[in-house]
Amino acid sequence: MELLDLLREAAPVMLRGAGYTVLFALAAMVGGLLIGFPVAVLRMLPYRLLAWPAGVYVSLMRGTPLLVQMFVIYYGLPSVGIEFTPVTAGILALSLNSGAFLSESLRGAISSISQGQWAASYSLGLGYWRTLYYVVLPQALRVAVPAMSNTLISLIKDTSLVSVITLTELMLSTKEVIATTFQPLPLYLSAAAIYWLLSLLFEALQRRAEQRLNRAHRSR
């Protein structure tokens, strides 16, 4: 089979898989932020009873392979009566994993804001949560954008692991085409090229977001 004919035949399946890859990565990013922000805040509170479980969660998620976490959620939990569909299990595993990394990025960004701004806000009558929301977070977001964008790019690549729980995305779509064409090398190289292009796209979006945030910051 000629290379161009092979790619023309594989393109619809692989591009559909790439679309699922982007959707899963974005969904996991949203889930990771919903988990990561409260975890970051809990780890900064002066209450060990709250900070300790958050620290254990971060250590556990960062210290174990994502593939193992995925197996535990999809194949292990049904043994105790908890079952998830492949889509739910895949997004849940990616969200829990990315949430740990995002929490550290957000915690570092929040910590980078000077204590003087906290003190000034308190002197104006703002409490902890209002200071965090109105004063600290807008500035911390600008600091956290690069690390958060790196997490999203990592998620694009990490979605390839969800193929092990029969979830259709770019890697599983590529394997399906290989099973019918018996041409692994050009198809795996094509899949790698698609992952690379997606990463370049999100890198460009990251730079644009940084420029907009920096411009807004300088204009104040």
N, C-alpha and C. Protein backbone atom coordinates (compact mmCIF):
# COMPACT_ATOMS: atom_id res chain seq x y z
N MET A 1 0.84 -1.20 0.00
CA MET A 1 0.00 0.00 0.00
C MET A 1 0.88 1.25 0.00
N GLU A 2 0.62 2.16 -0.94
CA GLU A 2 1.37 3.39 -1.01
C GLU A 2 1.15 4.23 0.24
N LEU A 3 2.18 4.99 0.59
CA LEU A 3 2.12 5.77 1.83
C LEU A 3 0.96 6.76 1.81
N LEU A 4 0.78 7.48 0.70
CA LEU A 4 -0.29 8.46 0.63
C LEU A 4 -1.66 7.81 0.72
N ASP A 5 -1.81 6.66 0.08
CA ASP A 5 -3.08 5.93 0.18
C ASP A 5 -3.33 5.47 1.61
N LEU A 6 -2.26 5.01 2.26
CA LEU A 6 -2.38 4.56 3.64
C LEU A 6 -2.83 5.70 4.55
N LEU A 7 -2.18 6.86 4.42
CA LEU A 7 -2.52 8.01 5.26
C LEU A 7 -3.92 8.52 4.95
N ARG A 8 -4.30 8.48 3.68
CA ARG A 8 -5.65 8.93 3.31
C ARG A 8 -6.70 8.02 3.93
N GLU A 9 -6.42 6.73 3.96
CA GLU A 9 -7.36 5.78 4.56
C GLU A 9 -7.41 5.93 6.08
N ALA A 10 -6.25 6.22 6.69
CA ALA A 10 -6.17 6.27 8.15
C ALA A 10 -6.62 7.61 8.71
N ALA A 11 -6.55 8.66 7.91
CA ALA A 11 -6.79 10.02 8.42
C ALA A 11 -8.12 10.19 9.13
N PRO A 12 -9.25 9.76 8.55
CA PRO A 12 -10.54 10.00 9.24
C PRO A 12 -10.59 9.36 10.63
N VAL A 13 -10.08 8.13 10.73
CA VAL A 13 -10.13 7.43 12.01
C VAL A 13 -9.19 8.10 13.01
N MET A 14 -7.98 8.43 12.58
CA MET A 14 -7.00 9.01 13.49
C MET A 14 -7.39 10.42 13.91
N LEU A 15 -7.95 11.20 12.99
CA LEU A 15 -8.36 12.55 13.35
C LEU A 15 -9.55 12.53 14.31
N ARG A 16 -10.45 11.57 14.12
CA ARG A 16 -11.55 11.43 15.07
C ARG A 16 -10.99 11.08 16.45
N GLY A 17 -10.01 10.19 16.48
CA GLY A 17 -9.36 9.85 17.74
C GLY A 17 -8.65 11.04 18.36
N ALA A 18 -8.04 11.89 17.52
CA ALA A 18 -7.37 13.09 18.02
C ALA A 18 -8.39 14.04 18.65
N GLY A 19 -9.57 14.12 18.05
CA GLY A 19 -10.64 14.95 18.62
C GLY A 19 -11.02 14.47 20.01
N TYR A 20 -11.15 13.15 20.16
CA TYR A 20 -11.45 12.60 21.49
C TYR A 20 -10.32 12.89 22.47
N THR A 21 -9.09 12.82 21.98
CA THR A 21 -7.93 13.11 22.83
C THR A 21 -8.02 14.52 23.40
N VAL A 22 -8.33 15.49 22.56
CA VAL A 22 -8.45 16.88 23.01
C VAL A 22 -9.59 17.03 24.01
N LEU A 23 -10.73 16.39 23.72
CA LEU A 23 -11.88 16.48 24.63
C LEU A 23 -11.55 15.89 25.99
N PHE A 24 -10.90 14.72 26.00
CA PHE A 24 -10.55 14.07 27.27
C PHE A 24 -9.56 14.93 28.04
N ALA A 25 -8.58 15.50 27.34
CA ALA A 25 -7.57 16.33 28.01
C ALA A 25 -8.20 17.57 28.62
N LEU A 26 -9.09 18.23 27.88
CA LEU A 26 -9.75 19.43 28.39
C LEU A 26 -10.65 19.10 29.58
N ALA A 27 -11.40 17.99 29.47
CA ALA A 27 -12.26 17.58 30.58
C ALA A 27 -11.44 17.27 31.82
N ALA A 28 -10.31 16.58 31.62
CA ALA A 28 -9.45 16.26 32.76
C ALA A 28 -8.81 17.51 33.34
N MET A 29 -8.52 18.50 32.49
CA MET A 29 -7.94 19.75 32.97
C MET A 29 -8.94 20.48 33.86
N VAL A 30 -10.19 20.54 33.42
CA VAL A 30 -11.24 21.18 34.24
C VAL A 30 -11.40 20.43 35.56
N GLY A 31 -11.46 19.09 35.48
CA GLY A 31 -11.57 18.29 36.70
C GLY A 31 -10.36 18.48 37.60
N GLY A 32 -9.17 18.55 37.00
CA GLY A 32 -7.97 18.75 37.79
C GLY A 32 -7.96 20.09 38.51
N LEU A 33 -8.45 21.14 37.84
CA LEU A 33 -8.53 22.45 38.48
C LEU A 33 -9.54 22.47 39.61
N LEU A 34 -10.68 21.79 39.39
CA LEU A 34 -11.70 21.72 40.45
C LEU A 34 -11.19 20.99 41.68
N ILE A 35 -10.28 20.05 41.46
CA ILE A 35 -9.67 19.32 42.58
C ILE A 35 -8.46 20.09 43.12
N GLY A 36 -7.64 20.59 42.21
CA GLY A 36 -6.36 21.18 42.60
C GLY A 36 -6.47 22.45 43.40
N PHE A 37 -7.45 23.31 43.06
CA PHE A 37 -7.54 24.58 43.79
C PHE A 37 -7.88 24.38 45.26
N PRO A 38 -8.95 23.63 45.59
CA PRO A 38 -9.21 23.44 47.03
C PRO A 38 -8.09 22.72 47.75
N VAL A 39 -7.44 21.79 47.06
CA VAL A 39 -6.31 21.09 47.70
C VAL A 39 -5.18 22.07 48.00
N ALA A 40 -4.89 22.97 47.05
CA ALA A 40 -3.85 23.97 47.27
C ALA A 40 -4.18 24.85 48.46
N VAL A 41 -5.43 25.27 48.56
CA VAL A 41 -5.85 26.13 49.68
C VAL A 41 -5.74 25.37 51.00
N LEU A 42 -6.19 24.11 51.00
CA LEU A 42 -6.13 23.32 52.22
C LEU A 42 -4.69 23.15 52.71
N ARG A 43 -3.76 22.97 51.77
CA ARG A 43 -2.37 22.76 52.15
C ARG A 43 -1.73 24.03 52.71
N MET A 44 -2.34 25.18 52.43
CA MET A 44 -1.79 26.44 52.93
C MET A 44 -2.42 26.87 54.26
N LEU A 45 -3.49 26.22 54.64
CA LEU A 45 -4.14 26.58 55.90
C LEU A 45 -3.30 26.10 57.10
N PRO A 46 -3.33 26.83 58.19
CA PRO A 46 -2.52 26.45 59.36
C PRO A 46 -3.18 25.37 60.22
N TYR A 47 -3.99 24.54 59.63
CA TYR A 47 -4.68 23.49 60.38
C TYR A 47 -4.22 22.12 59.87
N ARG A 48 -3.46 21.41 60.66
CA ARG A 48 -2.89 20.14 60.22
C ARG A 48 -3.97 19.12 59.88
N LEU A 49 -5.09 19.20 60.58
CA LEU A 49 -6.18 18.25 60.34
C LEU A 49 -6.69 18.36 58.91
N LEU A 50 -6.62 19.55 58.30
CA LEU A 50 -7.04 19.76 56.92
C LEU A 50 -5.88 19.63 55.95
N ALA A 51 -4.72 20.13 56.34
CA ALA A 51 -3.57 20.12 55.44
C ALA A 51 -3.00 18.72 55.24
N TRP A 52 -3.06 17.88 56.26
CA TRP A 52 -2.43 16.56 56.16
C TRP A 52 -3.09 15.67 55.11
N PRO A 53 -4.44 15.51 55.10
CA PRO A 53 -5.04 14.67 54.04
C PRO A 53 -4.75 15.21 52.64
N ALA A 54 -4.74 16.54 52.48
CA ALA A 54 -4.43 17.10 51.17
C ALA A 54 -3.00 16.77 50.77
N GLY A 55 -2.09 16.82 51.71
CA GLY A 55 -0.70 16.47 51.42
C GLY A 55 -0.53 15.00 51.06
N VAL A 56 -1.27 14.13 51.74
CA VAL A 56 -1.22 12.69 51.43
C VAL A 56 -1.74 12.44 50.02
N TYR A 57 -2.84 13.10 49.67
CA TYR A 57 -3.39 12.96 48.31
C TYR A 57 -2.38 13.37 47.26
N VAL A 58 -1.73 14.52 47.44
CA VAL A 58 -0.75 15.00 46.47
C VAL A 58 0.42 14.02 46.36
N SER A 59 0.91 13.56 47.50
CA SER A 59 2.03 12.62 47.50
C SER A 59 1.66 11.31 46.81
N LEU A 60 0.45 10.82 47.08
CA LEU A 60 0.00 9.56 46.49
C LEU A 60 -0.14 9.67 44.97
N MET A 61 -0.78 10.73 44.51
CA MET A 61 -1.01 10.89 43.07
C MET A 61 0.28 11.14 42.31
N ARG A 62 1.19 11.90 42.91
CA ARG A 62 2.46 12.20 42.25
C ARG A 62 3.44 11.06 42.35
N GLY A 63 3.26 10.19 43.36
CA GLY A 63 4.24 9.14 43.61
C GLY A 63 3.89 7.79 43.03
N THR A 64 2.73 7.67 42.37
CA THR A 64 2.34 6.40 41.74
C THR A 64 2.07 6.63 40.26
N PRO A 65 2.33 5.61 39.42
CA PRO A 65 2.13 5.79 37.98
C PRO A 65 0.65 6.01 37.63
N LEU A 66 0.42 6.86 36.66
CA LEU A 66 -0.95 7.11 36.19
C LEU A 66 -1.60 5.83 35.70
N LEU A 67 -0.84 4.95 35.07
CA LEU A 67 -1.40 3.69 34.56
C LEU A 67 -1.93 2.84 35.71
N VAL A 68 -1.20 2.80 36.81
CA VAL A 68 -1.66 2.03 37.97
C VAL A 68 -2.94 2.64 38.53
N GLN A 69 -2.99 3.96 38.62
CA GLN A 69 -4.20 4.63 39.10
C GLN A 69 -5.39 4.30 38.23
N MET A 70 -5.16 4.26 36.92
CA MET A 70 -6.23 3.95 35.99
C MET A 70 -6.73 2.51 36.18
N PHE A 71 -5.80 1.59 36.38
CA PHE A 71 -6.18 0.19 36.60
C PHE A 71 -6.96 0.03 37.89
N VAL A 72 -6.53 0.74 38.94
CA VAL A 72 -7.23 0.65 40.23
C VAL A 72 -8.68 1.12 40.08
N ILE A 73 -8.86 2.26 39.38
CA ILE A 73 -10.20 2.83 39.24
C ILE A 73 -11.09 1.97 38.36
N TYR A 74 -10.56 1.50 37.22
CA TYR A 74 -11.41 0.80 36.26
C TYR A 74 -11.53 -0.69 36.53
N TYR A 75 -10.41 -1.33 36.90
CA TYR A 75 -10.43 -2.78 37.10
C TYR A 75 -10.50 -3.18 38.58
N GLY A 76 -10.00 -2.33 39.47
CA GLY A 76 -9.95 -2.70 40.88
C GLY A 76 -11.21 -2.37 41.65
N LEU A 77 -11.74 -1.17 41.47
CA LEU A 77 -12.90 -0.75 42.26
C LEU A 77 -14.16 -1.60 42.04
N PRO A 78 -14.38 -2.17 40.83
CA PRO A 78 -15.56 -3.05 40.69
C PRO A 78 -15.58 -4.22 41.68
N SER A 79 -14.41 -4.64 42.18
CA SER A 79 -14.38 -5.74 43.14
C SER A 79 -14.99 -5.36 44.48
N VAL A 80 -15.13 -4.03 44.73
CA VAL A 80 -15.79 -3.59 45.97
C VAL A 80 -17.12 -2.91 45.64
N GLY A 81 -17.63 -3.17 44.45
CA GLY A 81 -18.96 -2.68 44.08
C GLY A 81 -19.01 -1.29 43.48
N ILE A 82 -17.87 -0.72 43.13
CA ILE A 82 -17.84 0.62 42.52
C ILE A 82 -17.41 0.48 41.07
N GLU A 83 -18.32 0.77 40.16
CA GLU A 83 -18.02 0.60 38.74
C GLU A 83 -18.17 1.92 37.99
N PHE A 84 -17.30 2.12 37.00
CA PHE A 84 -17.34 3.30 36.15
C PHE A 84 -17.31 2.87 34.70
N THR A 85 -17.92 3.67 33.85
CA THR A 85 -17.76 3.45 32.41
C THR A 85 -16.33 3.80 32.03
N PRO A 86 -15.84 3.32 30.87
CA PRO A 86 -14.48 3.69 30.46
C PRO A 86 -14.25 5.19 30.38
N VAL A 87 -15.24 5.93 29.87
CA VAL A 87 -15.08 7.39 29.76
C VAL A 87 -14.93 8.01 31.14
N THR A 88 -15.82 7.64 32.06
CA THR A 88 -15.78 8.21 33.41
C THR A 88 -14.49 7.82 34.12
N ALA A 89 -14.10 6.55 34.00
CA ALA A 89 -12.87 6.09 34.67
C ALA A 89 -11.65 6.80 34.12
N GLY A 90 -11.59 6.95 32.80
CA GLY A 90 -10.44 7.61 32.19
C GLY A 90 -10.32 9.06 32.61
N ILE A 91 -11.42 9.80 32.53
CA ILE A 91 -11.39 11.22 32.90
C ILE A 91 -11.15 11.38 34.40
N LEU A 92 -11.73 10.50 35.21
CA LEU A 92 -11.52 10.57 36.66
C LEU A 92 -10.06 10.35 37.01
N ALA A 93 -9.44 9.34 36.41
CA ALA A 93 -8.03 9.06 36.69
C ALA A 93 -7.14 10.22 36.26
N LEU A 94 -7.38 10.75 35.07
CA LEU A 94 -6.60 11.88 34.59
C LEU A 94 -6.81 13.12 35.46
N SER A 95 -8.06 13.33 35.91
CA SER A 95 -8.36 14.50 36.75
C SER A 95 -7.68 14.39 38.11
N LEU A 96 -7.77 13.22 38.72
CA LEU A 96 -7.14 13.04 40.03
C LEU A 96 -5.63 13.21 39.94
N ASN A 97 -5.05 12.67 38.88
CA ASN A 97 -3.60 12.78 38.72
C ASN A 97 -3.18 14.22 38.45
N SER A 98 -3.84 14.87 37.50
CA SER A 98 -3.46 16.24 37.18
C SER A 98 -3.79 17.20 38.32
N GLY A 99 -4.85 16.89 39.09
CA GLY A 99 -5.21 17.74 40.21
C GLY A 99 -4.09 17.88 41.22
N ALA A 100 -3.33 16.79 41.43
CA ALA A 100 -2.21 16.86 42.37
C ALA A 100 -1.13 17.81 41.87
N PHE A 101 -0.81 17.72 40.58
CA PHE A 101 0.23 18.60 40.02
C PHE A 101 -0.26 20.04 39.95
N LEU A 102 -1.52 20.22 39.58
CA LEU A 102 -2.06 21.58 39.50
C LEU A 102 -2.13 22.23 40.88
N SER A 103 -2.41 21.44 41.90
CA SER A 103 -2.48 22.01 43.25
C SER A 103 -1.13 22.57 43.66
N GLU A 104 -0.05 21.89 43.28
CA GLU A 104 1.28 22.40 43.61
C GLU A 104 1.60 23.66 42.82
N SER A 105 1.19 23.71 41.55
CA SER A 105 1.40 24.91 40.74
C SER A 105 0.64 26.09 41.33
N LEU A 106 -0.61 25.85 41.71
CA LEU A 106 -1.42 26.93 42.28
C LEU A 106 -0.91 27.35 43.65
N ARG A 107 -0.48 26.38 44.44
CA ARG A 107 0.05 26.71 45.77
C ARG A 107 1.30 27.57 45.65
N GLY A 108 2.17 27.21 44.71
CA GLY A 108 3.37 28.01 44.50
C GLY A 108 3.04 29.41 44.01
N ALA A 109 2.04 29.51 43.12
CA ALA A 109 1.66 30.82 42.60
C ALA A 109 1.06 31.69 43.69
N ILE A 110 0.21 31.10 44.52
CA ILE A 110 -0.40 31.87 45.62
C ILE A 110 0.67 32.30 46.62
N SER A 111 1.61 31.41 46.90
CA SER A 111 2.66 31.73 47.87
C SER A 111 3.59 32.82 47.36
N SER A 112 3.64 32.99 46.02
CA SER A 112 4.55 34.00 45.46
C SER A 112 4.04 35.42 45.68
N ILE A 113 2.76 35.57 46.01
CA ILE A 113 2.21 36.90 46.27
C ILE A 113 2.67 37.36 47.65
N SER A 114 3.20 38.56 47.72
CA SER A 114 3.82 39.04 48.97
C SER A 114 2.81 39.12 50.11
N GLN A 115 3.33 38.87 51.30
CA GLN A 115 2.50 38.95 52.50
C GLN A 115 1.98 40.37 52.73
N GLY A 116 2.68 41.35 52.17
CA GLY A 116 2.23 42.73 52.33
C GLY A 116 0.86 42.97 51.71
N GLN A 117 0.56 42.26 50.63
CA GLN A 117 -0.74 42.43 49.99
C GLN A 117 -1.84 41.82 50.85
N TRP A 118 -1.54 40.70 51.49
CA TRP A 118 -2.50 40.12 52.44
C TRP A 118 -2.77 41.10 53.57
N ALA A 119 -1.68 41.67 54.13
CA ALA A 119 -1.81 42.58 55.26
C ALA A 119 -2.60 43.84 54.87
N ALA A 120 -2.31 44.36 53.66
CA ALA A 120 -3.02 45.55 53.19
C ALA A 120 -4.51 45.27 53.04
N SER A 121 -4.84 44.08 52.52
CA SER A 121 -6.25 43.72 52.35
C SER A 121 -6.95 43.57 53.68
N TYR A 122 -6.26 42.96 54.65
CA TYR A 122 -6.85 42.81 55.98
C TYR A 122 -7.10 44.18 56.61
N SER A 123 -6.17 45.11 56.35
CA SER A 123 -6.33 46.45 56.94
C SER A 123 -7.52 47.19 56.34
N LEU A 124 -7.93 46.79 55.14
CA LEU A 124 -9.10 47.39 54.50
C LEU A 124 -10.40 46.70 54.89
N GLY A 125 -10.29 45.69 55.75
CA GLY A 125 -11.49 45.01 56.22
C GLY A 125 -11.84 43.75 55.45
N LEU A 126 -10.99 43.35 54.50
CA LEU A 126 -11.27 42.12 53.76
C LEU A 126 -10.81 40.93 54.58
N GLY A 127 -11.61 39.88 54.59
CA GLY A 127 -11.23 38.65 55.28
C GLY A 127 -10.33 37.79 54.41
N TYR A 128 -10.03 36.60 54.94
CA TYR A 128 -9.12 35.69 54.23
C TYR A 128 -9.66 35.32 52.84
N TRP A 129 -10.91 34.88 52.79
CA TRP A 129 -11.44 34.37 51.53
C TRP A 129 -11.65 35.47 50.51
N ARG A 130 -12.08 36.65 50.93
CA ARG A 130 -12.26 37.77 50.00
C ARG A 130 -10.91 38.27 49.49
N THR A 131 -9.92 38.27 50.36
CA THR A 131 -8.57 38.65 49.93
C THR A 131 -8.03 37.66 48.91
N LEU A 132 -8.26 36.38 49.20
CA LEU A 132 -7.80 35.35 48.27
C LEU A 132 -8.47 35.50 46.91
N TYR A 133 -9.77 35.74 46.90
CA TYR A 133 -10.52 35.78 45.64
C TYR A 133 -10.27 37.07 44.85
N TYR A 134 -10.30 38.20 45.53
CA TYR A 134 -10.26 39.48 44.83
C TYR A 134 -8.84 40.02 44.61
N VAL A 135 -7.93 39.68 45.50
CA VAL A 135 -6.59 40.28 45.44
C VAL A 135 -5.52 39.28 44.99
N VAL A 136 -5.50 38.12 45.61
CA VAL A 136 -4.40 37.19 45.40
C VAL A 136 -4.57 36.36 44.13
N LEU A 137 -5.74 35.78 43.93
CA LEU A 137 -5.92 34.88 42.79
C LEU A 137 -5.69 35.55 41.43
N PRO A 138 -6.19 36.75 41.19
CA PRO A 138 -5.92 37.37 39.88
C PRO A 138 -4.42 37.49 39.57
N GLN A 139 -3.63 37.76 40.60
CA GLN A 139 -2.19 37.85 40.40
C GLN A 139 -1.54 36.47 40.30
N ALA A 140 -2.03 35.55 41.11
CA ALA A 140 -1.46 34.20 41.10
C ALA A 140 -1.72 33.50 39.77
N LEU A 141 -2.85 33.80 39.17
CA LEU A 141 -3.18 33.17 37.88
C LEU A 141 -2.12 33.48 36.84
N ARG A 142 -1.67 34.71 36.81
CA ARG A 142 -0.64 35.10 35.85
C ARG A 142 0.64 34.31 36.07
N VAL A 143 0.97 34.06 37.32
CA VAL A 143 2.16 33.29 37.65
C VAL A 143 1.99 31.82 37.30
N ALA A 144 0.76 31.31 37.47
CA ALA A 144 0.51 29.87 37.32
C ALA A 144 0.28 29.43 35.88
N VAL A 145 0.01 30.37 34.97
CA VAL A 145 -0.34 30.00 33.60
C VAL A 145 0.69 29.08 32.95
N PRO A 146 2.00 29.36 33.00
CA PRO A 146 2.96 28.45 32.35
C PRO A 146 2.89 27.02 32.88
N ALA A 147 2.86 26.88 34.21
CA ALA A 147 2.82 25.54 34.80
C ALA A 147 1.50 24.83 34.47
N MET A 148 0.39 25.57 34.48
CA MET A 148 -0.90 24.97 34.15
C MET A 148 -0.94 24.55 32.68
N SER A 149 -0.33 25.36 31.82
CA SER A 149 -0.29 25.00 30.39
C SER A 149 0.55 23.76 30.17
N ASN A 150 1.64 23.63 30.92
CA ASN A 150 2.47 22.43 30.82
C ASN A 150 1.68 21.19 31.25
N THR A 151 0.85 21.35 32.27
CA THR A 151 0.01 20.23 32.71
C THR A 151 -0.97 19.83 31.61
N LEU A 152 -1.56 20.80 30.94
CA LEU A 152 -2.49 20.50 29.85
C LEU A 152 -1.79 19.77 28.72
N ILE A 153 -0.58 20.22 28.36
CA ILE A 153 0.18 19.55 27.30
C ILE A 153 0.52 18.12 27.72
N SER A 154 0.86 17.95 28.99
CA SER A 154 1.12 16.59 29.49
C SER A 154 -0.13 15.73 29.41
N LEU A 155 -1.28 16.32 29.69
CA LEU A 155 -2.53 15.57 29.61
C LEU A 155 -2.81 15.11 28.19
N ILE A 156 -2.49 15.95 27.20
CA ILE A 156 -2.66 15.56 25.80
C ILE A 156 -1.94 14.24 25.54
N LYS A 157 -0.73 14.13 26.06
CA LYS A 157 0.06 12.91 25.85
C LYS A 157 -0.41 11.77 26.76
N ASP A 158 -0.79 12.12 27.99
CA ASP A 158 -1.21 11.08 28.94
C ASP A 158 -2.52 10.40 28.53
N THR A 159 -3.32 11.06 27.70
CA THR A 159 -4.57 10.42 27.28
C THR A 159 -4.31 9.13 26.51
N SER A 160 -3.09 8.97 25.99
CA SER A 160 -2.78 7.73 25.27
C SER A 160 -2.92 6.51 26.17
N LEU A 161 -2.81 6.72 27.49
CA LEU A 161 -2.91 5.59 28.42
C LEU A 161 -4.33 5.08 28.57
N VAL A 162 -5.33 5.91 28.26
CA VAL A 162 -6.70 5.46 28.46
C VAL A 162 -7.08 4.37 27.45
N SER A 163 -6.24 4.16 26.44
CA SER A 163 -6.52 3.08 25.49
C SER A 163 -6.49 1.71 26.17
N VAL A 164 -5.79 1.62 27.32
CA VAL A 164 -5.69 0.32 28.00
C VAL A 164 -7.01 -0.05 28.66
N ILE A 165 -7.93 0.91 28.81
CA ILE A 165 -9.25 0.57 29.35
C ILE A 165 -10.31 0.69 28.24
N THR A 166 -9.84 0.44 27.02
CA THR A 166 -10.70 0.37 25.82
C THR A 166 -11.41 1.68 25.51
N LEU A 167 -10.82 2.78 25.89
CA LEU A 167 -11.41 4.09 25.60
C LEU A 167 -10.82 4.62 24.30
N THR A 168 -11.69 4.96 23.36
CA THR A 168 -11.24 5.38 22.04
C THR A 168 -10.64 6.78 22.09
N GLU A 169 -9.39 6.90 21.69
CA GLU A 169 -8.71 8.18 21.50
C GLU A 169 -7.67 7.94 20.41
N LEU A 170 -6.72 8.84 20.26
CA LEU A 170 -5.80 8.77 19.13
C LEU A 170 -5.01 7.47 19.09
N MET A 171 -4.48 7.03 20.22
CA MET A 171 -3.64 5.83 20.21
C MET A 171 -4.44 4.58 19.89
N LEU A 172 -5.62 4.43 20.48
CA LEU A 172 -6.44 3.25 20.18
C LEU A 172 -6.91 3.28 18.73
N SER A 173 -7.25 4.46 18.23
CA SER A 173 -7.66 4.59 16.83
C SER A 173 -6.51 4.18 15.90
N THR A 174 -5.30 4.57 16.26
CA THR A 174 -4.13 4.19 15.46
C THR A 174 -3.93 2.68 15.46
N LYS A 175 -4.09 2.06 16.61
CA LYS A 175 -3.94 0.60 16.70
C LYS A 175 -5.00 -0.11 15.86
N GLU A 176 -6.21 0.45 15.83
CA GLU A 176 -7.27 -0.16 15.03
C GLU A 176 -6.93 -0.12 13.54
N VAL A 177 -6.36 0.99 13.09
CA VAL A 177 -5.97 1.08 11.68
C VAL A 177 -4.82 0.14 11.39
N ILE A 178 -3.88 0.04 12.31
CA ILE A 178 -2.74 -0.87 12.13
C ILE A 178 -3.21 -2.32 12.02
N ALA A 179 -4.25 -2.66 12.77
CA ALA A 179 -4.77 -4.03 12.75
C ALA A 179 -5.33 -4.42 11.40
N THR A 180 -5.73 -3.44 10.59
CA THR A 180 -6.30 -3.74 9.27
C THR A 180 -5.32 -3.50 8.13
N THR A 181 -4.30 -2.66 8.38
CA THR A 181 -3.35 -2.33 7.30
C THR A 181 -1.99 -2.99 7.47
N PHE A 182 -1.67 -3.41 8.70
CA PHE A 182 -0.36 -4.03 9.00
C PHE A 182 0.80 -3.12 8.62
N GLN A 183 0.63 -1.82 8.91
CA GLN A 183 1.68 -0.84 8.63
C GLN A 183 1.95 -0.03 9.90
N PRO A 184 2.63 -0.61 10.88
CA PRO A 184 2.78 0.08 12.17
C PRO A 184 3.67 1.32 12.13
N LEU A 185 4.80 1.24 11.42
CA LEU A 185 5.76 2.34 11.49
C LEU A 185 5.19 3.67 10.99
N PRO A 186 4.67 3.77 9.77
CA PRO A 186 4.16 5.07 9.32
C PRO A 186 2.97 5.56 10.14
N LEU A 187 2.15 4.64 10.66
CA LEU A 187 0.97 5.06 11.41
C LEU A 187 1.34 5.53 12.82
N TYR A 188 2.30 4.86 13.46
CA TYR A 188 2.74 5.34 14.77
C TYR A 188 3.47 6.67 14.63
N LEU A 189 4.23 6.83 13.55
CA LEU A 189 4.89 8.12 13.31
C LEU A 189 3.85 9.22 13.05
N SER A 190 2.79 8.87 12.36
CA SER A 190 1.72 9.84 12.12
C SER A 190 1.04 10.23 13.43
N ALA A 191 0.81 9.24 14.29
CA ALA A 191 0.21 9.54 15.59
C ALA A 191 1.13 10.46 16.40
N ALA A 192 2.43 10.17 16.37
CA ALA A 192 3.38 11.03 17.08
C ALA A 192 3.34 12.45 16.54
N ALA A 193 3.22 12.58 15.22
CA ALA A 193 3.15 13.91 14.61
C ALA A 193 1.90 14.66 15.05
N ILE A 194 0.78 13.95 15.18
CA ILE A 194 -0.46 14.60 15.62
C ILE A 194 -0.33 15.07 17.06
N TYR A 195 0.25 14.22 17.93
CA TYR A 195 0.47 14.63 19.31
C TYR A 195 1.36 15.88 19.36
N TRP A 196 2.39 15.89 18.52
CA TRP A 196 3.31 17.03 18.49
C TRP A 196 2.59 18.30 18.04
N LEU A 197 1.78 18.18 17.00
CA LEU A 197 1.04 19.34 16.50
C LEU A 197 0.06 19.87 17.55
N LEU A 198 -0.59 18.97 18.25
CA LEU A 198 -1.49 19.40 19.32
C LEU A 198 -0.72 20.13 20.43
N SER A 199 0.46 19.62 20.76
CA SER A 199 1.28 20.27 21.77
C SER A 199 1.71 21.66 21.31
N LEU A 200 2.09 21.77 20.03
CA LEU A 200 2.48 23.08 19.49
C LEU A 200 1.31 24.06 19.53
N LEU A 201 0.12 23.57 19.24
CA LEU A 201 -1.07 24.42 19.28
C LEU A 201 -1.30 24.97 20.68
N PHE A 202 -1.22 24.11 21.68
CA PHE A 202 -1.46 24.57 23.05
C PHE A 202 -0.30 25.41 23.57
N GLU A 203 0.91 25.17 23.08
CA GLU A 203 2.03 26.05 23.44
C GLU A 203 1.78 27.46 22.91
N ALA A 204 1.25 27.56 21.68
CA ALA A 204 0.95 28.87 21.10
C ALA A 204 -0.15 29.56 21.90
N LEU A 205 -1.17 28.81 22.31
CA LEU A 205 -2.23 29.39 23.14
C LEU A 205 -1.69 29.84 24.49
N GLN A 206 -0.74 29.07 25.04
CA GLN A 206 -0.12 29.46 26.30
C GLN A 206 0.61 30.79 26.17
N ARG A 207 1.40 30.94 25.11
CA ARG A 207 2.14 32.19 24.92
C ARG A 207 1.19 33.36 24.76
N ARG A 208 0.09 33.13 24.04
CA ARG A 208 -0.88 34.22 23.85
C ARG A 208 -1.53 34.60 25.18
N ALA A 209 -1.87 33.60 25.98
CA ALA A 209 -2.47 33.88 27.29
C ALA A 209 -1.50 34.64 28.18
N GLU A 210 -0.23 34.24 28.16
CA GLU A 210 0.77 34.95 28.96
C GLU A 210 0.91 36.39 28.52
N GLN A 211 0.92 36.63 27.22
CA GLN A 211 1.05 37.99 26.70
C GLN A 211 -0.12 38.86 27.12
N ARG A 212 -1.34 38.30 27.04
CA ARG A 212 -2.52 39.07 27.42
C ARG A 212 -2.50 39.39 28.91
N LEU A 213 -2.14 38.41 29.74
CA LEU A 213 -2.10 38.64 31.18
C LEU A 213 -1.01 39.63 31.55
N ASN A 214 0.15 39.52 30.90
CA ASN A 214 1.24 40.45 31.20
C ASN A 214 0.88 41.86 30.74
N ARG A 215 0.20 41.98 29.59
CA ARG A 215 -0.21 43.29 29.10
C ARG A 215 -1.20 43.94 30.06
N ALA A 216 -2.16 43.13 30.54
CA ALA A 216 -3.13 43.64 31.50
C ALA A 216 -2.46 44.06 32.80
N HIS A 217 -1.44 43.29 33.20
CA HIS A 217 -0.74 43.60 34.44
C HIS A 217 0.06 44.90 34.31
N ARG A 218 0.71 45.11 33.15
CA ARG A 218 1.52 46.31 32.95
C ARG A 218 0.66 47.56 32.83
N SER A 219 -0.57 47.38 32.33
CA SER A 219 -1.43 48.55 32.10
C SER A 219 -2.03 49.11 33.39
N ARG A 220 -1.89 48.37 34.50
CA ARG A 220 -2.46 48.83 35.76
C ARG A 220 -1.56 49.90 36.42
